[in-house]
Amino acid sequence: MSELLVFDDEPEPRTALWHACTRVPTAAPGESVTAVLSDMAAKRYDCASVVAVLVGGRLVGVAPIERMWRSSGLCGRHFCCSGWVVLLAALFGVSPVI
């Protein structure tokens, strides 16, 4: 997990920066989806709807969690969405409502 943004001053409430999350899942471009998802399950994030893909600490793209989960092979075609909800619930320590 990387701190993607560091602020010296508190941002204004009506700006995008105010709503930016700094504790987000990160991955290297060549890291396996399974490894990323396993790592995510062991940590807490402010937001986990995307995985920030970093090269040398710089953002080169984002991977939507839905695509990562679907491509992982950990869920069946018809259960992908509910599996995704269960994973996110586990990440945030809440009970899933499906």
PDB file of N, CA and C in Angstrom:
ATOM      1  N   MET A   1       0.850  -1.157   0.000  1.00  0.00           N
ATOM      2  CA  MET A   1       0.000   0.000   0.000  1.00  0.00           C
ATOM      3  C   MET A   1       0.899   1.225   0.000  1.00  0.00           C
ATOM      4  N   SER A   2       0.600   2.172  -0.870  1.00  0.00           N
ATOM      5  CA  SER A   2       1.396   3.378  -0.989  1.00  0.00           C
ATOM      6  C   SER A   2       0.572   4.607  -0.673  1.00  0.00           C
ATOM      7  N   GLU A   3       1.230   5.594  -0.125  1.00  0.00           N
ATOM      8  CA  GLU A   3       0.609   6.899   0.019  1.00  0.00           C
ATOM      9  C   GLU A   3       0.804   7.579  -1.325  1.00  0.00           C
ATOM     10  N   LEU A   4      -0.257   7.709  -2.104  1.00  0.00           N
ATOM     11  CA  LEU A   4      -0.144   8.290  -3.428  1.00  0.00           C
ATOM     12  C   LEU A   4      -0.092   9.808  -3.390  1.00  0.00           C
ATOM     13  N   LEU A   5      -0.718  10.407  -2.406  1.00  0.00           N
ATOM     14  CA  LEU A   5      -0.787  11.853  -2.311  1.00  0.00           C
ATOM     15  C   LEU A   5      -0.360  12.298  -0.926  1.00  0.00           C
ATOM     16  N   VAL A   6       0.426  13.344  -0.864  1.00  0.00           N
ATOM     17  CA  VAL A   6       0.832  13.916   0.412  1.00  0.00           C
ATOM     18  C   VAL A   6       0.518  15.401   0.349  1.00  0.00           C
ATOM     19  N   PHE A   7      -0.192  15.908   1.346  1.00  0.00           N
ATOM     20  CA  PHE A   7      -0.617  17.302   1.348  1.00  0.00           C
ATOM     21  C   PHE A   7       0.050  18.066   2.476  1.00  0.00           C
ATOM     22  N   ASP A   8       0.532  19.262   2.162  1.00  0.00           N
ATOM     23  CA  ASP A   8       1.056  20.148   3.196  1.00  0.00           C
ATOM     24  C   ASP A   8      -0.086  20.904   3.869  1.00  0.00           C
ATOM     25  N   ASP A   9      -1.068  21.304   3.063  1.00  0.00           N
ATOM     26  CA  ASP A   9      -2.213  22.051   3.571  1.00  0.00           C
ATOM     27  C   ASP A   9      -3.477  21.232   3.354  1.00  0.00           C
ATOM     28  N   GLU A  10      -4.468  21.488   4.188  1.00  0.00           N
ATOM     29  CA  GLU A  10      -5.769  20.824   4.054  1.00  0.00           C
ATOM     30  C   GLU A  10      -6.450  21.343   2.782  1.00  0.00           C
ATOM     31  N   PRO A  11      -6.902  20.446   1.878  1.00  0.00           N
ATOM     32  CA  PRO A  11      -7.567  20.914   0.654  1.00  0.00           C
ATOM     33  C   PRO A  11      -8.942  21.494   0.951  1.00  0.00           C
ATOM     34  N   GLU A  12      -9.425  22.298   0.045  1.00  0.00           N
ATOM     35  CA  GLU A  12     -10.747  22.905   0.160  1.00  0.00           C
ATOM     36  C   GLU A  12     -11.825  21.833   0.022  1.00  0.00           C
ATOM     37  N   PRO A  13     -12.898  21.886   0.834  1.00  0.00           N
ATOM     38  CA  PRO A  13     -13.945  20.858   0.813  1.00  0.00           C
ATOM     39  C   PRO A  13     -14.667  20.687  -0.526  1.00  0.00           C
ATOM     40  N   ARG A  14     -14.708  21.695  -1.356  1.00  0.00           N
ATOM     41  CA  ARG A  14     -15.444  21.596  -2.621  1.00  0.00           C
ATOM     42  C   ARG A  14     -14.547  21.242  -3.800  1.00  0.00           C
ATOM     43  N   THR A  15     -13.427  20.603  -3.525  1.00  0.00           N
ATOM     44  CA  THR A  15     -12.505  20.221  -4.594  1.00  0.00           C
ATOM     45  C   THR A  15     -12.391  18.702  -4.673  1.00  0.00           C
ATOM     46  N   ALA A  16     -11.936  18.224  -5.806  1.00  0.00           N
ATOM     47  CA  ALA A  16     -11.704  16.786  -5.974  1.00  0.00           C
ATOM     48  C   ALA A  16     -10.654  16.300  -4.982  1.00  0.00           C
ATOM     49  N   LEU A  17      -9.671  17.123  -4.732  1.00  0.00           N
ATOM     50  CA  LEU A  17      -8.600  16.749  -3.812  1.00  0.00           C
ATOM     51  C   LEU A  17      -9.122  16.454  -2.418  1.00  0.00           C
ATOM     52  N   TRP A  18     -10.164  17.160  -1.978  1.00  0.00           N
ATOM     53  CA  TRP A  18     -10.778  16.926  -0.671  1.00  0.00           C
ATOM     54  C   TRP A  18     -11.282  15.488  -0.562  1.00  0.00           C
ATOM     55  N   HIS A  19     -11.801  14.944  -1.660  1.00  0.00           N
ATOM     56  CA  HIS A  19     -12.401  13.621  -1.666  1.00  0.00           C
ATOM     57  C   HIS A  19     -11.423  12.510  -2.058  1.00  0.00           C
ATOM     58  N   ALA A  20     -10.207  12.865  -2.362  1.00  0.00           N
ATOM     59  CA  ALA A  20      -9.211  11.875  -2.793  1.00  0.00           C
ATOM     60  C   ALA A  20      -8.826  10.944  -1.644  1.00  0.00           C
ATOM     61  N   CYS A  21      -8.719   9.670  -1.941  1.00  0.00           N
ATOM     62  CA  CYS A  21      -8.291   8.660  -0.964  1.00  0.00           C
ATOM     63  C   CYS A  21      -6.818   8.366  -1.186  1.00  0.00           C
ATOM     64  N   THR A  22      -6.073   8.281  -0.114  1.00  0.00           N
ATOM     65  CA  THR A  22      -4.645   7.980  -0.247  1.00  0.00           C
ATOM     66  C   THR A  22      -4.323   6.531   0.116  1.00  0.00           C
ATOM     67  N   ARG A  23      -5.154   5.906   0.943  1.00  0.00           N
ATOM     68  CA  ARG A  23      -4.928   4.492   1.291  1.00  0.00           C
ATOM     69  C   ARG A  23      -5.735   3.644   0.313  1.00  0.00           C
ATOM     70  N   VAL A  24      -5.070   3.273  -0.782  1.00  0.00           N
ATOM     71  CA  VAL A  24      -5.709   2.486  -1.838  1.00  0.00           C
ATOM     72  C   VAL A  24      -4.817   1.299  -2.174  1.00  0.00           C
ATOM     73  N   PRO A  25      -5.411   0.217  -2.699  1.00  0.00           N
ATOM     74  CA  PRO A  25      -4.579  -0.916  -3.099  1.00  0.00           C
ATOM     75  C   PRO A  25      -3.706  -0.539  -4.292  1.00  0.00           C
ATOM     76  N   THR A  26      -2.491  -1.052  -4.283  1.00  0.00           N
ATOM     77  CA  THR A  26      -1.564  -0.793  -5.380  1.00  0.00           C
ATOM     78  C   THR A  26      -0.989  -2.109  -5.890  1.00  0.00           C
ATOM     79  N   ALA A  27      -0.495  -2.058  -7.118  1.00  0.00           N
ATOM     80  CA  ALA A  27       0.134  -3.235  -7.720  1.00  0.00           C
ATOM     81  C   ALA A  27       1.147  -2.783  -8.756  1.00  0.00           C
ATOM     82  N   ALA A  28       2.109  -3.634  -9.009  1.00  0.00           N
ATOM     83  CA  ALA A  28       3.048  -3.425 -10.114  1.00  0.00           C
ATOM     84  C   ALA A  28       2.419  -3.997 -11.378  1.00  0.00           C
ATOM     85  N   PRO A  29       2.785  -3.504 -12.555  1.00  0.00           N
ATOM     86  CA  PRO A  29       2.170  -3.980 -13.790  1.00  0.00           C
ATOM     87  C   PRO A  29       2.238  -5.495 -13.993  1.00  0.00           C
ATOM     88  N   GLY A  30       3.314  -6.142 -13.579  1.00  0.00           N
ATOM     89  CA  GLY A  30       3.467  -7.577 -13.793  1.00  0.00           C
ATOM     90  C   GLY A  30       2.979  -8.456 -12.660  1.00  0.00           C
ATOM     91  N   GLU A  31       2.440  -7.853 -11.620  1.00  0.00           N
ATOM     92  CA  GLU A  31       1.975  -8.620 -10.458  1.00  0.00           C
ATOM     93  C   GLU A  31       0.715  -9.407 -10.820  1.00  0.00           C
ATOM     94  N   SER A  32       0.624 -10.635 -10.368  1.00  0.00           N
ATOM     95  CA  SER A  32      -0.538 -11.469 -10.704  1.00  0.00           C
ATOM     96  C   SER A  32      -1.787 -10.965  -9.992  1.00  0.00           C
ATOM     97  N   VAL A  33      -2.916 -11.141 -10.650  1.00  0.00           N
ATOM     98  CA  VAL A  33      -4.207 -10.735 -10.088  1.00  0.00           C
ATOM     99  C   VAL A  33      -4.449 -11.450  -8.771  1.00  0.00           C
ATOM    100  N   THR A  34      -4.163 -12.739  -8.718  1.00  0.00           N
ATOM    101  CA  THR A  34      -4.373 -13.514  -7.495  1.00  0.00           C
ATOM    102  C   THR A  34      -3.537 -12.963  -6.345  1.00  0.00           C
ATOM    103  N   ALA A  35      -2.295 -12.601  -6.624  1.00  0.00           N
ATOM    104  CA  ALA A  35      -1.433 -12.041  -5.581  1.00  0.00           C
ATOM    105  C   ALA A  35      -1.972 -10.700  -5.092  1.00  0.00           C
ATOM    106  N   VAL A  36      -2.461  -9.870  -6.015  1.00  0.00           N
ATOM    107  CA  VAL A  36      -3.007  -8.563  -5.639  1.00  0.00           C
ATOM    108  C   VAL A  36      -4.235  -8.738  -4.761  1.00  0.00           C
ATOM    109  N   LEU A  37      -5.146  -9.618  -5.162  1.00  0.00           N
ATOM    110  CA  LEU A  37      -6.367  -9.843  -4.374  1.00  0.00           C
ATOM    111  C   LEU A  37      -6.044 -10.428  -3.007  1.00  0.00           C
ATOM    112  N   SER A  38      -5.091 -11.340  -2.939  1.00  0.00           N
ATOM    113  CA  SER A  38      -4.691 -11.914  -1.649  1.00  0.00           C
ATOM    114  C   SER A  38      -4.104 -10.847  -0.741  1.00  0.00           C
ATOM    115  N   ASP A  39      -3.279  -9.973  -1.311  1.00  0.00           N
ATOM    116  CA  ASP A  39      -2.692  -8.888  -0.534  1.00  0.00           C
ATOM    117  C   ASP A  39      -3.769  -7.928  -0.042  1.00  0.00           C
ATOM    118  N   MET A  40      -4.762  -7.662  -0.893  1.00  0.00           N
ATOM    119  CA  MET A  40      -5.852  -6.764  -0.507  1.00  0.00           C
ATOM    120  C   MET A  40      -6.643  -7.301   0.675  1.00  0.00           C
ATOM    121  N   ALA A  41      -6.831  -8.601   0.729  1.00  0.00           N
ATOM    122  CA  ALA A  41      -7.625  -9.202   1.801  1.00  0.00           C
ATOM    123  C   ALA A  41      -6.975  -9.032   3.164  1.00  0.00           C
ATOM    124  N   ALA A  42      -5.673  -8.771   3.183  1.00  0.00           N
ATOM    125  CA  ALA A  42      -4.950  -8.662   4.446  1.00  0.00           C
ATOM    126  C   ALA A  42      -4.781  -7.217   4.925  1.00  0.00           C
ATOM    127  N   LYS A  43      -5.315  -6.256   4.169  1.00  0.00           N
ATOM    128  CA  LYS A  43      -5.102  -4.845   4.506  1.00  0.00           C
ATOM    129  C   LYS A  43      -6.405  -4.079   4.532  1.00  0.00           C
ATOM    130  N   ARG A  44      -6.348  -2.856   5.026  1.00  0.00           N
ATOM    131  CA  ARG A  44      -7.503  -1.952   5.074  1.00  0.00           C
ATOM    132  C   ARG A  44      -7.225  -0.752   4.163  1.00  0.00           C
ATOM    133  N   TYR A  45      -8.281  -0.308   3.487  1.00  0.00           N
ATOM    134  CA  TYR A  45      -8.154   0.805   2.549  1.00  0.00           C
ATOM    135  C   TYR A  45      -9.264   1.825   2.762  1.00  0.00           C
ATOM    136  N   ASP A  46      -9.006   3.049   2.311  1.00  0.00           N
ATOM    137  CA  ASP A  46     -10.047   4.078   2.294  1.00  0.00           C
ATOM    138  C   ASP A  46     -10.994   3.824   1.132  1.00  0.00           C
ATOM    139  N   CYS A  47     -10.469   3.275   0.061  1.00  0.00           N
ATOM    140  CA  CYS A  47     -11.251   2.976  -1.137  1.00  0.00           C
ATOM    141  C   CYS A  47     -10.595   1.791  -1.836  1.00  0.00           C
ATOM    142  N   ALA A  48     -11.407   0.831  -2.278  1.00  0.00           N
ATOM    143  CA  ALA A  48     -10.857  -0.344  -2.967  1.00  0.00           C
ATOM    144  C   ALA A  48     -11.637  -0.654  -4.238  1.00  0.00           C
ATOM    145  N   SER A  49     -12.193   0.358  -4.868  1.00  0.00           N
ATOM    146  CA  SER A  49     -12.941   0.113  -6.102  1.00  0.00           C
ATOM    147  C   SER A  49     -12.021  -0.047  -7.299  1.00  0.00           C
ATOM    148  N   VAL A  50     -10.796   0.441  -7.180  1.00  0.00           N
ATOM    149  CA  VAL A  50      -9.782   0.243  -8.213  1.00  0.00           C
ATOM    150  C   VAL A  50      -8.454  -0.063  -7.542  1.00  0.00           C
ATOM    151  N   VAL A  51      -7.562  -0.688  -8.301  1.00  0.00           N
ATOM    152  CA  VAL A  51      -6.198  -0.926  -7.848  1.00  0.00           C
ATOM    153  C   VAL A  51      -5.317   0.034  -8.640  1.00  0.00           C
ATOM    154  N   ALA A  52      -4.544   0.849  -7.944  1.00  0.00           N
ATOM    155  CA  ALA A  52      -3.622   1.773  -8.610  1.00  0.00           C
ATOM    156  C   ALA A  52      -2.414   0.973  -9.093  1.00  0.00           C
ATOM    157  N   VAL A  53      -2.129   1.047 -10.376  1.00  0.00           N
ATOM    158  CA  VAL A  53      -0.976   0.351 -10.955  1.00  0.00           C
ATOM    159  C   VAL A  53       0.175   1.354 -10.998  1.00  0.00           C
ATOM    160  N   LEU A  54       1.272   1.007 -10.303  1.00  0.00           N
ATOM    161  CA  LEU A  54       2.391   1.929 -10.133  1.00  0.00           C
ATOM    162  C   LEU A  54       3.668   1.383 -10.747  1.00  0.00           C
ATOM    163  N   VAL A  55       4.451   2.272 -11.322  1.00  0.00           N
ATOM    164  CA  VAL A  55       5.806   1.968 -11.771  1.00  0.00           C
ATOM    165  C   VAL A  55       6.710   3.010 -11.128  1.00  0.00           C
ATOM    166  N   GLY A  56       7.606   2.554 -10.287  1.00  0.00           N
ATOM    167  CA  GLY A  56       8.495   3.481  -9.600  1.00  0.00           C
ATOM    168  C   GLY A  56       7.756   4.508  -8.757  1.00  0.00           C
ATOM    169  N   GLY A  57       6.634   4.093  -8.163  1.00  0.00           N
ATOM    170  CA  GLY A  57       5.860   4.989  -7.332  1.00  0.00           C
ATOM    171  C   GLY A  57       4.963   5.944  -8.096  1.00  0.00           C
ATOM    172  N   ARG A  58       4.965   5.859  -9.424  1.00  0.00           N
ATOM    173  CA  ARG A  58       4.125   6.738 -10.253  1.00  0.00           C
ATOM    174  C   ARG A  58       2.935   5.973 -10.806  1.00  0.00           C
ATOM    175  N   LEU A  59       1.788   6.613 -10.787  1.00  0.00           N
ATOM    176  CA  LEU A  59       0.560   6.015 -11.298  1.00  0.00           C
ATOM    177  C   LEU A  59       0.626   5.909 -12.815  1.00  0.00           C
ATOM    178  N   VAL A  60       0.440   4.668 -13.330  1.00  0.00           N
ATOM    179  CA  VAL A  60       0.405   4.470 -14.780  1.00  0.00           C
ATOM    180  C   VAL A  60      -0.973   4.016 -15.247  1.00  0.00           C
ATOM    181  N   GLY A  61      -1.857   3.705 -14.301  1.00  0.00           N
ATOM    182  CA  GLY A  61      -3.215   3.306 -14.645  1.00  0.00           C
ATOM    183  C   GLY A  61      -3.937   2.765 -13.434  1.00  0.00           C
ATOM    184  N   VAL A  62      -5.220   2.435 -13.644  1.00  0.00           N
ATOM    185  CA  VAL A  62      -6.002   1.816 -12.586  1.00  0.00           C
ATOM    186  C   VAL A  62      -6.669   0.561 -13.139  1.00  0.00           C
ATOM    187  N   ALA A  63      -6.815  -0.426 -12.285  1.00  0.00           N
ATOM    188  CA  ALA A  63      -7.478  -1.685 -12.646  1.00  0.00           C
ATOM    189  C   ALA A  63      -8.753  -1.788 -11.813  1.00  0.00           C
ATOM    190  N   PRO A  64      -9.926  -1.736 -12.462  1.00  0.00           N
ATOM    191  CA  PRO A  64     -11.182  -1.861 -11.708  1.00  0.00           C
ATOM    192  C   PRO A  64     -11.255  -3.203 -10.984  1.00  0.00           C
ATOM    193  N   ILE A  65     -11.697  -3.181  -9.747  1.00  0.00           N
ATOM    194  CA  ILE A  65     -11.754  -4.398  -8.942  1.00  0.00           C
ATOM    195  C   ILE A  65     -12.642  -5.454  -9.585  1.00  0.00           C
ATOM    196  N   GLU A  66     -13.698  -5.024 -10.293  1.00  0.00           N
ATOM    197  CA  GLU A  66     -14.583  -5.992 -10.949  1.00  0.00           C
ATOM    198  C   GLU A  66     -13.823  -6.818 -11.967  1.00  0.00           C
ATOM    199  N   ARG A  67     -12.973  -6.185 -12.761  1.00  0.00           N
ATOM    200  CA  ARG A  67     -12.175  -6.907 -13.768  1.00  0.00           C
ATOM    201  C   ARG A  67     -11.165  -7.829 -13.104  1.00  0.00           C
ATOM    202  N   MET A  68     -10.533  -7.330 -12.050  1.00  0.00           N
ATOM    203  CA  MET A  68      -9.530  -8.153 -11.354  1.00  0.00           C
ATOM    204  C   MET A  68     -10.198  -9.401 -10.786  1.00  0.00           C
ATOM    205  N   TRP A  69     -11.331  -9.211 -10.117  1.00  0.00           N
ATOM    206  CA  TRP A  69     -12.028 -10.340  -9.506  1.00  0.00           C
ATOM    207  C   TRP A  69     -12.482 -11.335 -10.566  1.00  0.00           C
ATOM    208  N   ARG A  70     -13.073 -10.826 -11.663  1.00  0.00           N
ATOM    209  CA  ARG A  70     -13.584 -11.693 -12.723  1.00  0.00           C
ATOM    210  C   ARG A  70     -12.455 -12.489 -13.378  1.00  0.00           C
ATOM    211  N   SER A  71     -11.307 -11.852 -13.586  1.00  0.00           N
ATOM    212  CA  SER A  71     -10.208 -12.541 -14.268  1.00  0.00           C
ATOM    213  C   SER A  71      -9.412 -13.463 -13.351  1.00  0.00           C
ATOM    214  N   SER A  72      -9.673 -13.403 -12.051  1.00  0.00           N
ATOM    215  CA  SER A  72      -8.885 -14.182 -11.096  1.00  0.00           C
ATOM    216  C   SER A  72      -9.161 -15.673 -11.160  1.00  0.00           C
ATOM    217  N   GLY A  73     -10.329 -16.038 -11.685  1.00  0.00           N
ATOM    218  CA  GLY A  73     -10.698 -17.449 -11.685  1.00  0.00           C
ATOM    219  C   GLY A  73     -11.227 -17.903 -10.341  1.00  0.00           C
ATOM    220  N   LEU A  74     -11.368 -16.979  -9.398  1.00  0.00           N
ATOM    221  CA  LEU A  74     -11.840 -17.324  -8.060  1.00  0.00           C
ATOM    222  C   LEU A  74     -13.350 -17.327  -7.953  1.00  0.00           C
ATOM    223  N   CYS A  75     -14.026 -16.900  -9.021  1.00  0.00           N
ATOM    224  CA  CYS A  75     -15.479 -16.880  -8.957  1.00  0.00           C
ATOM    225  C   CYS A  75     -16.056 -17.446 -10.245  1.00  0.00           C
ATOM    226  N   GLY A  76     -17.238 -18.008 -10.143  1.00  0.00           N
ATOM    227  CA  GLY A  76     -17.932 -18.518 -11.305  1.00  0.00           C
ATOM    228  C   GLY A  76     -18.622 -17.396 -12.050  1.00  0.00           C
ATOM    229  N   ARG A  77     -18.977 -17.637 -13.264  1.00  0.00           N
ATOM    230  CA  ARG A  77     -19.575 -16.606 -14.114  1.00  0.00           C
ATOM    231  C   ARG A  77     -20.810 -15.978 -13.474  1.00  0.00           C
ATOM    232  N   HIS A  78     -21.678 -16.797 -12.868  1.00  0.00           N
ATOM    233  CA  HIS A  78     -22.923 -16.283 -12.314  1.00  0.00           C
ATOM    234  C   HIS A  78     -22.778 -15.723 -10.903  1.00  0.00           C
ATOM    235  N   PHE A  79     -21.659 -15.989 -10.275  1.00  0.00           N
ATOM    236  CA  PHE A  79     -21.488 -15.560  -8.887  1.00  0.00           C
ATOM    237  C   PHE A  79     -20.459 -14.449  -8.746  1.00  0.00           C
ATOM    238  N   CYS A  80     -19.977 -13.939  -9.861  1.00  0.00           N
ATOM    239  CA  CYS A  80     -18.909 -12.948  -9.807  1.00  0.00           C
ATOM    240  C   CYS A  80     -19.306 -11.721  -9.001  1.00  0.00           C
ATOM    241  N   CYS A  81     -20.466 -11.174  -9.251  1.00  0.00           N
ATOM    242  CA  CYS A  81     -20.859  -9.954  -8.535  1.00  0.00           C
ATOM    243  C   CYS A  81     -21.002 -10.197  -7.039  1.00  0.00           C
ATOM    244  N   SER A  82     -21.628 -11.309  -6.661  1.00  0.00           N
ATOM    245  CA  SER A  82     -21.779 -11.560  -5.230  1.00  0.00           C
ATOM    246  C   SER A  82     -20.431 -11.860  -4.590  1.00  0.00           C
ATOM    247  N   GLY A  83     -19.549 -12.531  -5.298  1.00  0.00           N
ATOM    248  CA  GLY A  83     -18.203 -12.786  -4.776  1.00  0.00           C
ATOM    249  C   GLY A  83     -17.435 -11.495  -4.573  1.00  0.00           C
ATOM    250  N   TRP A  84     -17.608 -10.583  -5.464  1.00  0.00           N
ATOM    251  CA  TRP A  84     -16.984  -9.268  -5.420  1.00  0.00           C
ATOM    252  C   TRP A  84     -17.452  -8.518  -4.188  1.00  0.00           C
ATOM    253  N   VAL A  85     -18.754  -8.578  -3.923  1.00  0.00           N
ATOM    254  CA  VAL A  85     -19.318  -7.907  -2.739  1.00  0.00           C
ATOM    255  C   VAL A  85     -18.759  -8.520  -1.464  1.00  0.00           C
ATOM    256  N   VAL A  86     -18.647  -9.841  -1.433  1.00  0.00           N
ATOM    257  CA  VAL A  86     -18.095 -10.525  -0.262  1.00  0.00           C
ATOM    258  C   VAL A  86     -16.646 -10.110  -0.047  1.00  0.00           C
ATOM    259  N   LEU A  87     -15.862 -10.031  -1.130  1.00  0.00           N
ATOM    260  CA  LEU A  87     -14.462  -9.622  -1.010  1.00  0.00           C
ATOM    261  C   LEU A  87     -14.367  -8.201  -0.464  1.00  0.00           C
ATOM    262  N   LEU A  88     -15.143  -7.283  -1.021  1.00  0.00           N
ATOM    263  CA  LEU A  88     -15.093  -5.903  -0.548  1.00  0.00           C
ATOM    264  C   LEU A  88     -15.551  -5.796   0.905  1.00  0.00           C
ATOM    265  N   ALA A  89     -16.569  -6.569   1.275  1.00  0.00           N
ATOM    266  CA  ALA A  89     -17.023  -6.565   2.664  1.00  0.00           C
ATOM    267  C   ALA A  89     -15.899  -7.032   3.583  1.00  0.00           C
ATOM    268  N   ALA A  90     -15.183  -8.070   3.160  1.00  0.00           N
ATOM    269  CA  ALA A  90     -14.061  -8.568   3.967  1.00  0.00           C
ATOM    270  C   ALA A  90     -12.966  -7.511   4.084  1.00  0.00           C
ATOM    271  N   LEU A  91     -12.718  -6.790   2.996  1.00  0.00           N
ATOM    272  CA  LEU A  91     -11.685  -5.760   3.016  1.00  0.00           C
ATOM    273  C   LEU A  91     -12.012  -4.652   4.013  1.00  0.00           C
ATOM    274  N   PHE A  92     -13.291  -4.308   4.099  1.00  0.00           N
ATOM    275  CA  PHE A  92     -13.690  -3.216   4.971  1.00  0.00           C
ATOM    276  C   PHE A  92     -14.197  -3.695   6.326  1.00  0.00           C
ATOM    277  N   GLY A  93     -14.194  -5.004   6.573  1.00  0.00           N
ATOM    278  CA  GLY A  93     -14.585  -5.527   7.876  1.00  0.00           C
ATOM    279  C   GLY A  93     -16.049  -5.357   8.201  1.00  0.00           C
ATOM    280  N   VAL A  94     -16.906  -5.472   7.182  1.00  0.00           N
ATOM    281  CA  VAL A  94     -18.347  -5.354   7.409  1.00  0.00           C
ATOM    282  C   VAL A  94     -19.037  -6.613   6.911  1.00  0.00           C
ATOM    283  N   SER A  95     -20.284  -6.808   7.294  1.00  0.00           N
ATOM    284  CA  SER A  95     -21.052  -7.955   6.831  1.00  0.00           C
ATOM    285  C   SER A  95     -21.630  -7.650   5.459  1.00  0.00           C
ATOM    286  N   PRO A  96     -21.450  -8.549   4.490  1.00  0.00           N
ATOM    287  CA  PRO A  96     -22.004  -8.301   3.156  1.00  0.00           C
ATOM    288  C   PRO A  96     -23.510  -8.447   3.130  1.00  0.00           C
ATOM    289  N   VAL A  97     -24.150  -7.625   2.348  1.00  0.00           N
ATOM    290  CA  VAL A  97     -25.601  -7.724   2.109  1.00  0.00           C
ATOM    291  C   VAL A  97     -25.754  -7.970   0.629  1.00  0.00           C
ATOM    292  N   ILE A  98     -26.184  -9.182   0.270  1.00  0.00           N
ATOM    293  CA  ILE A  98     -26.310  -9.563  -1.142  1.00  0.00           C
ATOM    294  C   ILE A  98     -27.774  -9.776  -1.453  1.00  0.00           C
TER     295      ILE A  98
END
